[in-house]
Amino acid sequence: MRNVDLHCHSTVSDGLLSPSELVSLAIKGGVDVLALTDHDDVAGLDEARCAAEASGIRLIPGVEISVTWDRLTVHIVGLNIDSKQSDLVQGLNAVRGGRLERAQKMGDSLAAAGIPGAFEGALTYASSDEMVGRTHFARFLVAQGKARNVSAVFKRYLVKGKPGYVSHRWAALGDAIAWIRAAGGIAVLAHPGRYKVGSAGLRALMDDFKNLGGEAIEVVTSNHTQVQVHRFADYAQHYGFLASRGSDYHGPGESFTLPGRLAALPSICKPVWQAWT
């Protein structure tokens, strides 16, 4: 079987490795097919493609789009996209345009809680002003001794009801799917086990995702339990979704697993990558 990882991040969004370093790590992990899926940006794909072509690994161009659905933030991965397609480029530009304003408000909230300089500090961890996000704030807070690690930050800060949290309206679900499809890609509902919506809410999300043109869900990802893997394999079969597999790797010390270390898809699944490998 191919060792496929279709969800990874680089320094272009909130990863710790450059696109070429990520490709090298994936090769060391035995990955045959890798997708770079930075948040709301495709600027790392050219570097990743060059590194992949030089080393023989197959690169699938991708992106992970931030979406607001029923007041909940969800993530939609686009796979095998034309990263220069105009609808996608314009849509991603619009999504990134709201990040800086949100980050400034997050900094204000943390300052009011007695942590000054958080906005400026977070910027030092981001590749650009328009890509600054919660993970960059979390790294700043760790450096300031406010938490042991990035995971621990999200127990005390940056989440609803805690200092640094700022609600934000991202792209509409239908728009994100439409941009991906216009770019020739497949829209994938990322890490569905992470959304705290209950069974009825999850079914409603998948209903909307399917009706709006979504074609796949992540069945195997680093923070899905074995029970969840089989649950989402059943969902994929019920809805007719293709199944994806991705580590959601961000970098050393900040990820549940390394690229190449994921379990195989359950046998009842139809892999999303069969369409292009």
C-alpha atoms as a PDB file:
ATOM      1  CA  MET A   1       0.000   0.000   0.000  1.00  0.00           C
ATOM      2  CA  ARG A   2       1.070   3.567  -0.604  1.00  0.00           C
ATOM      3  CA  ASN A   3       1.988   5.642   2.423  1.00  0.00           C
ATOM      4  CA  VAL A   4      -0.116   8.749   1.866  1.00  0.00           C
ATOM      5  CA  ASP A   5      -0.244  11.894   4.034  1.00  0.00           C
ATOM      6  CA  LEU A   6      -2.680  14.496   2.749  1.00  0.00           C
ATOM      7  CA  HIS A   7      -2.683  17.079   5.549  1.00  0.00           C
ATOM      8  CA  CYS A   8       0.488  18.905   6.615  1.00  0.00           C
ATOM      9  CA  HIS A   9       1.549  22.483   7.417  1.00  0.00           C
ATOM     10  CA  SER A  10       4.672  24.544   6.815  1.00  0.00           C
ATOM     11  CA  THR A  11       6.008  27.902   8.007  1.00  0.00           C
ATOM     12  CA  VAL A  12       3.804  29.557   5.396  1.00  0.00           C
ATOM     13  CA  SER A  13       0.912  29.137   7.845  1.00  0.00           C
ATOM     14  CA  ASP A  14       1.527  27.773  11.345  1.00  0.00           C
ATOM     15  CA  GLY A  15       3.995  24.945  10.842  1.00  0.00           C
ATOM     16  CA  LEU A  16       7.554  24.923  12.177  1.00  0.00           C
ATOM     17  CA  LEU A  17       9.281  23.515   9.073  1.00  0.00           C
ATOM     18  CA  SER A  18       9.738  25.149   5.689  1.00  0.00           C
ATOM     19  CA  PRO A  19       7.978  23.452   2.754  1.00  0.00           C
ATOM     20  CA  SER A  20      11.224  21.792   1.615  1.00  0.00           C
ATOM     21  CA  GLU A  21      12.066  20.667   5.171  1.00  0.00           C
ATOM     22  CA  LEU A  22       8.591  19.155   5.438  1.00  0.00           C
ATOM     23  CA  VAL A  23       9.122  17.224   2.212  1.00  0.00           C
ATOM     24  CA  SER A  24      12.440  15.888   3.565  1.00  0.00           C
ATOM     25  CA  LEU A  25      10.802  14.780   6.806  1.00  0.00           C
ATOM     26  CA  ALA A  26       8.011  13.033   4.920  1.00  0.00           C
ATOM     27  CA  ILE A  27      10.547  11.137   2.826  1.00  0.00           C
ATOM     28  CA  LYS A  28      12.334   9.993   5.988  1.00  0.00           C
ATOM     29  CA  GLY A  29       8.977   8.756   7.284  1.00  0.00           C
ATOM     30  CA  GLY A  30       8.413   6.652   4.169  1.00  0.00           C
ATOM     31  CA  VAL A  31       5.676   8.857   2.692  1.00  0.00           C
ATOM     32  CA  ASP A  32       5.042   8.228  -1.023  1.00  0.00           C
ATOM     33  CA  VAL A  33       2.368  10.890  -1.600  1.00  0.00           C
ATOM     34  CA  LEU A  34       2.317  14.141   0.383  1.00  0.00           C
ATOM     35  CA  ALA A  35      -0.063  17.096   0.372  1.00  0.00           C
ATOM     36  CA  LEU A  36       0.977  20.500   1.697  1.00  0.00           C
ATOM     37  CA  THR A  37      -2.215  22.070   3.068  1.00  0.00           C
ATOM     38  CA  ASP A  38      -1.318  25.366   4.709  1.00  0.00           C
ATOM     39  CA  HIS A  39      -4.088  27.402   6.283  1.00  0.00           C
ATOM     40  CA  ASP A  40      -5.693  29.812   3.800  1.00  0.00           C
ATOM     41  CA  ASP A  41      -2.512  30.155   1.719  1.00  0.00           C
ATOM     42  CA  VAL A  42      -0.792  28.348  -1.135  1.00  0.00           C
ATOM     43  CA  ALA A  43       2.474  30.307  -1.118  1.00  0.00           C
ATOM     44  CA  GLY A  44       4.540  27.284  -0.057  1.00  0.00           C
ATOM     45  CA  LEU A  45       3.504  24.994  -2.898  1.00  0.00           C
ATOM     46  CA  ASP A  46       6.169  26.021  -5.416  1.00  0.00           C
ATOM     47  CA  GLU A  47       8.996  25.348  -2.936  1.00  0.00           C
ATOM     48  CA  ALA A  48       7.420  22.052  -1.904  1.00  0.00           C
ATOM     49  CA  ARG A  49       6.955  21.010  -5.530  1.00  0.00           C
ATOM     50  CA  CYS A  50      10.591  21.677  -6.369  1.00  0.00           C
ATOM     51  CA  ALA A  51      11.751  19.673  -3.351  1.00  0.00           C
ATOM     52  CA  ALA A  52       9.398  16.819  -4.204  1.00  0.00           C
ATOM     53  CA  GLU A  53      10.479  16.670  -7.855  1.00  0.00           C
ATOM     54  CA  ALA A  54      14.130  16.555  -6.799  1.00  0.00           C
ATOM     55  CA  SER A  55      13.563  13.646  -4.433  1.00  0.00           C
ATOM     56  CA  GLY A  56      10.952  11.480  -6.156  1.00  0.00           C
ATOM     57  CA  ILE A  57       8.049  11.891  -3.720  1.00  0.00           C
ATOM     58  CA  ARG A  58       4.706  12.860  -5.233  1.00  0.00           C
ATOM     59  CA  LEU A  59       3.315  16.210  -4.066  1.00  0.00           C
ATOM     60  CA  ILE A  60      -0.415  16.899  -4.123  1.00  0.00           C
ATOM     61  CA  PRO A  61      -1.082  20.663  -4.062  1.00  0.00           C
ATOM     62  CA  GLY A  62      -3.496  21.547  -1.300  1.00  0.00           C
ATOM     63  CA  VAL A  63      -4.854  24.135   1.107  1.00  0.00           C
ATOM     64  CA  GLU A  64      -6.869  24.160   4.346  1.00  0.00           C
ATOM     65  CA  ILE A  65      -9.607  26.800   4.356  1.00  0.00           C
ATOM     66  CA  SER A  66     -11.026  28.279   7.561  1.00  0.00           C
ATOM     67  CA  VAL A  67     -14.836  28.174   7.520  1.00  0.00           C
ATOM     68  CA  THR A  68     -17.600  29.375   9.796  1.00  0.00           C
ATOM     69  CA  TRP A  69     -20.536  26.963   9.938  1.00  0.00           C
ATOM     70  CA  ASP A  70     -23.376  27.541  12.404  1.00  0.00           C
ATOM     71  CA  ARG A  71     -21.084  29.751  14.557  1.00  0.00           C
ATOM     72  CA  LEU A  72     -18.485  26.972  14.634  1.00  0.00           C
ATOM     73  CA  THR A  73     -15.045  27.135  13.009  1.00  0.00           C
ATOM     74  CA  VAL A  74     -14.440  24.114  10.792  1.00  0.00           C
ATOM     75  CA  HIS A  75     -11.659  23.386   8.313  1.00  0.00           C
ATOM     76  CA  ILE A  76     -12.027  22.262   4.726  1.00  0.00           C
ATOM     77  CA  VAL A  77      -8.997  20.804   2.975  1.00  0.00           C
ATOM     78  CA  GLY A  78      -8.755  21.228  -0.778  1.00  0.00           C
ATOM     79  CA  LEU A  79      -6.697  18.526  -2.509  1.00  0.00           C
ATOM     80  CA  ASN A  80      -5.186  18.388  -5.996  1.00  0.00           C
ATOM     81  CA  ILE A  81      -6.006  22.032  -6.646  1.00  0.00           C
ATOM     82  CA  ASP A  82      -4.852  24.458  -9.296  1.00  0.00           C
ATOM     83  CA  SER A  83      -3.338  26.911  -6.832  1.00  0.00           C
ATOM     84  CA  LYS A  84      -3.389  29.769  -9.335  1.00  0.00           C
ATOM     85  CA  GLN A  85      -7.062  29.496 -10.277  1.00  0.00           C
ATOM     86  CA  SER A  86      -8.639  32.947  -9.892  1.00  0.00           C
ATOM     87  CA  ASP A  87     -11.697  32.063  -7.779  1.00  0.00           C
ATOM     88  CA  LEU A  88      -9.533  30.216  -5.268  1.00  0.00           C
ATOM     89  CA  VAL A  89      -6.880  32.938  -5.166  1.00  0.00           C
ATOM     90  CA  GLN A  90      -9.451  35.686  -4.598  1.00  0.00           C
ATOM     91  CA  GLY A  91     -11.273  33.651  -1.958  1.00  0.00           C
ATOM     92  CA  LEU A  92      -8.100  32.915  -0.011  1.00  0.00           C
ATOM     93  CA  ASN A  93      -7.081  36.585  -0.210  1.00  0.00           C
ATOM     94  CA  ALA A  94     -10.412  37.518   1.367  1.00  0.00           C
ATOM     95  CA  VAL A  95     -10.025  34.964   4.177  1.00  0.00           C
ATOM     96  CA  ARG A  96      -6.496  36.125   4.989  1.00  0.00           C
ATOM     97  CA  GLY A  97      -7.643  39.737   5.040  1.00  0.00           C
ATOM     98  CA  GLY A  98      -9.545  39.152   8.291  1.00  0.00           C
ATOM     99  CA  ARG A  99      -6.673  37.492  10.162  1.00  0.00           C
ATOM    100  CA  LEU A 100      -4.722  40.641  11.004  1.00  0.00           C
ATOM    101  CA  GLU A 101      -7.702  42.470  12.490  1.00  0.00           C
ATOM    102  CA  ARG A 102      -8.596  39.434  14.592  1.00  0.00           C
ATOM    103  CA  ALA A 103      -4.992  39.127  15.801  1.00  0.00           C
ATOM    104  CA  GLN A 104      -4.938  42.748  16.924  1.00  0.00           C
ATOM    105  CA  LYS A 105      -8.086  42.143  18.969  1.00  0.00           C
ATOM    106  CA  MET A 106      -6.536  38.989  20.458  1.00  0.00           C
ATOM    107  CA  GLY A 107      -3.540  41.045  21.523  1.00  0.00           C
ATOM    108  CA  ASP A 108      -5.836  43.620  23.141  1.00  0.00           C
ATOM    109  CA  SER A 109      -7.662  40.883  25.038  1.00  0.00           C
ATOM    110  CA  LEU A 110      -4.432  39.394  26.367  1.00  0.00           C
ATOM    111  CA  ALA A 111      -3.157  42.853  27.322  1.00  0.00           C
ATOM    112  CA  ALA A 112      -6.334  43.414  29.334  1.00  0.00           C
ATOM    113  CA  ALA A 113      -5.553  40.123  31.123  1.00  0.00           C
ATOM    114  CA  GLY A 114      -2.092  41.377  32.074  1.00  0.00           C
ATOM    115  CA  ILE A 115      -0.054  40.034  29.148  1.00  0.00           C
ATOM    116  CA  PRO A 116       1.208  43.001  27.140  1.00  0.00           C
ATOM    117  CA  GLY A 117       2.970  42.763  23.796  1.00  0.00           C
ATOM    118  CA  ALA A 118       1.231  39.577  22.679  1.00  0.00           C
ATOM    119  CA  PHE A 119       0.293  40.869  19.241  1.00  0.00           C
ATOM    120  CA  GLU A 120       3.812  42.009  18.468  1.00  0.00           C
ATOM    121  CA  GLY A 121       5.195  38.810  19.972  1.00  0.00           C
ATOM    122  CA  ALA A 122       2.914  36.603  17.880  1.00  0.00           C
ATOM    123  CA  LEU A 123       4.009  38.406  14.724  1.00  0.00           C
ATOM    124  CA  THR A 124       7.597  37.292  15.314  1.00  0.00           C
ATOM    125  CA  TYR A 125       6.445  33.670  14.907  1.00  0.00           C
ATOM    126  CA  ALA A 126       4.348  34.254  11.757  1.00  0.00           C
ATOM    127  CA  SER A 127       5.531  34.209   8.150  1.00  0.00           C
ATOM    128  CA  SER A 128       3.567  37.400   7.423  1.00  0.00           C
ATOM    129  CA  ASP A 129       1.150  39.789   9.118  1.00  0.00           C
ATOM    130  CA  GLU A 130      -1.840  38.374   7.268  1.00  0.00           C
ATOM    131  CA  MET A 131      -1.083  34.809   8.383  1.00  0.00           C
ATOM    132  CA  VAL A 132      -0.806  35.414  12.136  1.00  0.00           C
ATOM    133  CA  GLY A 133      -3.096  33.114  14.088  1.00  0.00           C
ATOM    134  CA  ARG A 134      -3.741  31.396  17.395  1.00  0.00           C
ATOM    135  CA  THR A 135      -0.765  29.048  17.126  1.00  0.00           C
ATOM    136  CA  HIS A 136       1.617  31.998  16.823  1.00  0.00           C
ATOM    137  CA  PHE A 137       0.085  33.553  19.941  1.00  0.00           C
ATOM    138  CA  ALA A 138       0.418  30.189  21.690  1.00  0.00           C
ATOM    139  CA  ARG A 139       4.130  30.012  20.893  1.00  0.00           C
ATOM    140  CA  PHE A 140       4.588  33.515  22.274  1.00  0.00           C
ATOM    141  CA  LEU A 141       2.749  32.562  25.473  1.00  0.00           C
ATOM    142  CA  VAL A 142       4.938  29.483  25.919  1.00  0.00           C
ATOM    143  CA  ALA A 143       8.040  31.638  25.458  1.00  0.00           C
ATOM    144  CA  GLN A 144       6.691  33.992  28.127  1.00  0.00           C
ATOM    145  CA  GLY A 145       6.305  31.118  30.579  1.00  0.00           C
ATOM    146  CA  LYS A 146       2.502  31.273  30.587  1.00  0.00           C
ATOM    147  CA  ALA A 147       2.135  27.585  29.705  1.00  0.00           C
ATOM    148  CA  ARG A 148       4.316  24.474  29.470  1.00  0.00           C
ATOM    149  CA  ASN A 149       3.677  23.893  25.768  1.00  0.00           C
ATOM    150  CA  VAL A 150       1.382  24.915  22.932  1.00  0.00           C
ATOM    151  CA  SER A 151      -1.261  22.323  23.822  1.00  0.00           C
ATOM    152  CA  ALA A 152      -1.385  23.617  27.398  1.00  0.00           C
ATOM    153  CA  VAL A 153      -1.947  27.180  26.170  1.00  0.00           C
ATOM    154  CA  PHE A 154      -5.342  26.214  24.813  1.00  0.00           C
ATOM    155  CA  LYS A 155      -6.534  25.168  28.262  1.00  0.00           C
ATOM    156  CA  ARG A 156      -6.037  28.689  29.676  1.00  0.00           C
ATOM    157  CA  TYR A 157      -6.000  31.076  26.733  1.00  0.00           C
ATOM    158  CA  LEU A 158      -7.286  31.706  23.201  1.00  0.00           C
ATOM    159  CA  VAL A 159     -10.428  29.582  23.489  1.00  0.00           C
ATOM    160  CA  LYS A 160     -13.995  30.663  24.181  1.00  0.00           C
ATOM    161  CA  GLY A 161     -14.381  32.161  27.643  1.00  0.00           C
ATOM    162  CA  LYS A 162     -10.609  32.609  28.131  1.00  0.00           C
ATOM    163  CA  PRO A 163      -8.254  35.589  27.622  1.00  0.00           C
ATOM    164  CA  GLY A 164      -7.233  36.086  24.020  1.00  0.00           C
ATOM    165  CA  TYR A 165     -10.337  34.555  22.486  1.00  0.00           C
ATOM    166  CA  VAL A 166     -11.907  36.582  19.687  1.00  0.00           C
ATOM    167  CA  SER A 167     -14.823  35.269  17.663  1.00  0.00           C
ATOM    168  CA  HIS A 168     -14.421  35.639  13.916  1.00  0.00           C
ATOM    169  CA  ARG A 169     -16.438  34.951  10.805  1.00  0.00           C
ATOM    170  CA  TRP A 170     -14.436  32.990   8.256  1.00  0.00           C
ATOM    171  CA  ALA A 171     -15.490  31.839   4.791  1.00  0.00           C
ATOM    172  CA  ALA A 172     -18.932  30.346   4.244  1.00  0.00           C
ATOM    173  CA  LEU A 173     -18.914  26.576   3.819  1.00  0.00           C
ATOM    174  CA  GLY A 174     -20.469  26.749   0.362  1.00  0.00           C
ATOM    175  CA  ASP A 175     -17.965  29.352  -0.794  1.00  0.00           C
ATOM    176  CA  ALA A 176     -14.940  27.337   0.363  1.00  0.00           C
ATOM    177  CA  ILE A 177     -16.203  24.207  -1.392  1.00  0.00           C
ATOM    178  CA  ALA A 178     -16.974  26.206  -4.544  1.00  0.00           C
ATOM    179  CA  TRP A 179     -13.443  27.700  -4.641  1.00  0.00           C
ATOM    180  CA  ILE A 180     -11.896  24.241  -4.305  1.00  0.00           C
ATOM    181  CA  ARG A 181     -14.094  22.757  -7.007  1.00  0.00           C
ATOM    182  CA  ALA A 182     -13.447  25.714  -9.337  1.00  0.00           C
ATOM    183  CA  ALA A 183      -9.734  24.970  -8.901  1.00  0.00           C
ATOM    184  CA  GLY A 184     -10.303  21.366  -9.995  1.00  0.00           C
ATOM    185  CA  GLY A 185      -9.836  20.005  -6.475  1.00  0.00           C
ATOM    186  CA  ILE A 186     -11.679  17.771  -4.055  1.00  0.00           C
ATOM    187  CA  ALA A 187     -13.118  19.275  -0.874  1.00  0.00           C
ATOM    188  CA  VAL A 188     -12.383  17.262   2.288  1.00  0.00           C
ATOM    189  CA  LEU A 189     -13.903  17.820   5.734  1.00  0.00           C
ATOM    190  CA  ALA A 190     -10.826  17.923   7.966  1.00  0.00           C
ATOM    191  CA  HIS A 191     -10.566  16.074  11.322  1.00  0.00           C
ATOM    192  CA  PRO A 192     -14.348  15.732  11.914  1.00  0.00           C
ATOM    193  CA  GLY A 193     -13.774  14.160  15.320  1.00  0.00           C
ATOM    194  CA  ARG A 194     -12.467  17.472  16.621  1.00  0.00           C
ATOM    195  CA  TYR A 195     -15.740  19.395  16.326  1.00  0.00           C
ATOM    196  CA  LYS A 196     -17.714  19.520  19.551  1.00  0.00           C
ATOM    197  CA  VAL A 197     -21.196  19.469  18.032  1.00  0.00           C
ATOM    198  CA  GLY A 198     -22.678  16.156  19.200  1.00  0.00           C
ATOM    199  CA  SER A 199     -24.008  13.424  16.929  1.00  0.00           C
ATOM    200  CA  ALA A 200     -26.935  15.459  15.594  1.00  0.00           C
ATOM    201  CA  GLY A 201     -24.718  18.463  14.869  1.00  0.00           C
ATOM    202  CA  LEU A 202     -22.145  16.306  13.123  1.00  0.00           C
ATOM    203  CA  ARG A 203     -24.802  14.784  10.895  1.00  0.00           C
ATOM    204  CA  ALA A 204     -26.118  18.269  10.086  1.00  0.00           C
ATOM    205  CA  LEU A 205     -22.599  19.403   9.180  1.00  0.00           C
ATOM    206  CA  MET A 206     -22.068  16.388   6.934  1.00  0.00           C
ATOM    207  CA  ASP A 207     -25.486  16.874   5.334  1.00  0.00           C
ATOM    208  CA  ASP A 208     -24.626  20.482   4.458  1.00  0.00           C
ATOM    209  CA  PHE A 209     -21.112  19.536   3.341  1.00  0.00           C
ATOM    210  CA  LYS A 210     -22.490  16.842   1.020  1.00  0.00           C
ATOM    211  CA  ASN A 211     -25.284  19.019  -0.365  1.00  0.00           C
ATOM    212  CA  LEU A 212     -22.863  21.863  -1.120  1.00  0.00           C
ATOM    213  CA  GLY A 213     -20.508  19.650  -3.099  1.00  0.00           C
ATOM    214  CA  GLY A 214     -18.114  18.199  -0.514  1.00  0.00           C
ATOM    215  CA  GLU A 215     -16.708  14.869  -1.626  1.00  0.00           C
ATOM    216  CA  ALA A 216     -14.471  13.439   1.126  1.00  0.00           C
ATOM    217  CA  ILE A 217     -13.784  13.354   4.863  1.00  0.00           C
ATOM    218  CA  GLU A 218     -10.647  12.665   6.864  1.00  0.00           C
ATOM    219  CA  VAL A 219     -11.137   9.242   8.365  1.00  0.00           C
ATOM    220  CA  VAL A 220      -7.595   8.709   9.629  1.00  0.00           C
ATOM    221  CA  THR A 221      -5.901  11.693  11.230  1.00  0.00           C
ATOM    222  CA  SER A 222      -3.535  12.060  14.131  1.00  0.00           C
ATOM    223  CA  ASN A 223      -6.056  12.914  16.843  1.00  0.00           C
ATOM    224  CA  HIS A 224      -8.763  10.418  15.865  1.00  0.00           C
ATOM    225  CA  THR A 225      -9.065   7.446  18.180  1.00  0.00           C
ATOM    226  CA  GLN A 226      -9.502   3.973  16.738  1.00  0.00           C
ATOM    227  CA  VAL A 227     -13.194   4.170  17.630  1.00  0.00           C
ATOM    228  CA  GLN A 228     -13.494   7.445  15.730  1.00  0.00           C
ATOM    229  CA  VAL A 229     -11.643   6.032  12.732  1.00  0.00           C
ATOM    230  CA  HIS A 230     -14.244   3.284  12.366  1.00  0.00           C
ATOM    231  CA  ARG A 231     -17.076   5.710  13.088  1.00  0.00           C
ATOM    232  CA  PHE A 232     -15.998   8.045  10.296  1.00  0.00           C
ATOM    233  CA  ALA A 233     -15.366   5.134   7.957  1.00  0.00           C
ATOM    234  CA  ASP A 234     -19.040   4.271   8.481  1.00  0.00           C
ATOM    235  CA  TYR A 235     -20.026   7.896   7.856  1.00  0.00           C
ATOM    236  CA  ALA A 236     -17.992   7.917   4.650  1.00  0.00           C
ATOM    237  CA  GLN A 237     -19.771   4.793   3.446  1.00  0.00           C
ATOM    238  CA  HIS A 238     -23.201   6.149   4.428  1.00  0.00           C
ATOM    239  CA  TYR A 239     -22.737   9.486   2.621  1.00  0.00           C
ATOM    240  CA  GLY A 240     -20.726   8.151  -0.288  1.00  0.00           C
ATOM    241  CA  PHE A 241     -17.687  10.189   0.724  1.00  0.00           C
ATOM    242  CA  LEU A 242     -14.162   9.348  -0.312  1.00  0.00           C
ATOM    243  CA  ALA A 243     -11.831   8.811   2.648  1.00  0.00           C
ATOM    244  CA  SER A 244      -8.687  10.809   3.342  1.00  0.00           C
ATOM    245  CA  ARG A 245      -5.671  10.211   5.573  1.00  0.00           C
ATOM    246  CA  GLY A 246      -3.496  12.992   6.988  1.00  0.00           C
ATOM    247  CA  SER A 247      -1.321  13.663  10.003  1.00  0.00           C
ATOM    248  CA  ASP A 248      -2.159  17.392  10.369  1.00  0.00           C
ATOM    249  CA  TYR A 249       1.547  17.732  11.111  1.00  0.00           C
ATOM    250  CA  HIS A 250       2.713  21.155  12.352  1.00  0.00           C
ATOM    251  CA  GLY A 251       6.197  20.504  13.652  1.00  0.00           C
ATOM    252  CA  PRO A 252       8.416  18.961  16.330  1.00  0.00           C
ATOM    253  CA  GLY A 253       6.779  18.969  19.751  1.00  0.00           C
ATOM    254  CA  GLU A 254       3.456  20.289  18.453  1.00  0.00           C
ATOM    255  CA  SER A 255       1.947  17.291  16.679  1.00  0.00           C
ATOM    256  CA  PHE A 256       0.405  13.983  17.688  1.00  0.00           C
ATOM    257  CA  THR A 257       2.405  12.011  15.138  1.00  0.00           C
ATOM    258  CA  LEU A 258       4.975  12.310  12.371  1.00  0.00           C
ATOM    259  CA  PRO A 259       4.217  12.113   8.657  1.00  0.00           C
ATOM    260  CA  GLY A 260       4.187   8.496   7.571  1.00  0.00           C
ATOM    261  CA  ARG A 261       3.162   7.066  10.945  1.00  0.00           C
ATOM    262  CA  LEU A 262      -0.612   6.933  10.509  1.00  0.00           C
ATOM    263  CA  ALA A 263      -2.762   3.811  10.555  1.00  0.00           C
ATOM    264  CA  ALA A 264      -4.163   2.500   7.286  1.00  0.00           C
ATOM    265  CA  LEU A 265      -7.671   3.368   6.170  1.00  0.00           C
ATOM    266  CA  PRO A 266     -10.300   0.768   7.099  1.00  0.00           C
ATOM    267  CA  SER A 267     -10.930  -1.645   4.251  1.00  0.00           C
ATOM    268  CA  ILE A 268     -14.482  -0.391   3.656  1.00  0.00           C
ATOM    269  CA  CYS A 269     -13.159   3.047   2.634  1.00  0.00           C
ATOM    270  CA  LYS A 270     -12.560   4.285  -0.892  1.00  0.00           C
ATOM    271  CA  PRO A 271      -9.344   6.346  -0.723  1.00  0.00           C
ATOM    272  CA  VAL A 272      -9.532   9.880  -2.046  1.00  0.00           C
ATOM    273  CA  TRP A 273      -6.145   9.491  -3.686  1.00  0.00           C
ATOM    274  CA  GLN A 274      -7.345   6.734  -6.022  1.00  0.00           C
ATOM    275  CA  ALA A 275      -8.627   9.522  -8.240  1.00  0.00           C
ATOM    276  CA  TRP A 276      -5.088  10.688  -9.061  1.00  0.00           C
ATOM    277  CA  THR A 277      -2.564   7.949  -8.290  1.00  0.00           C
END
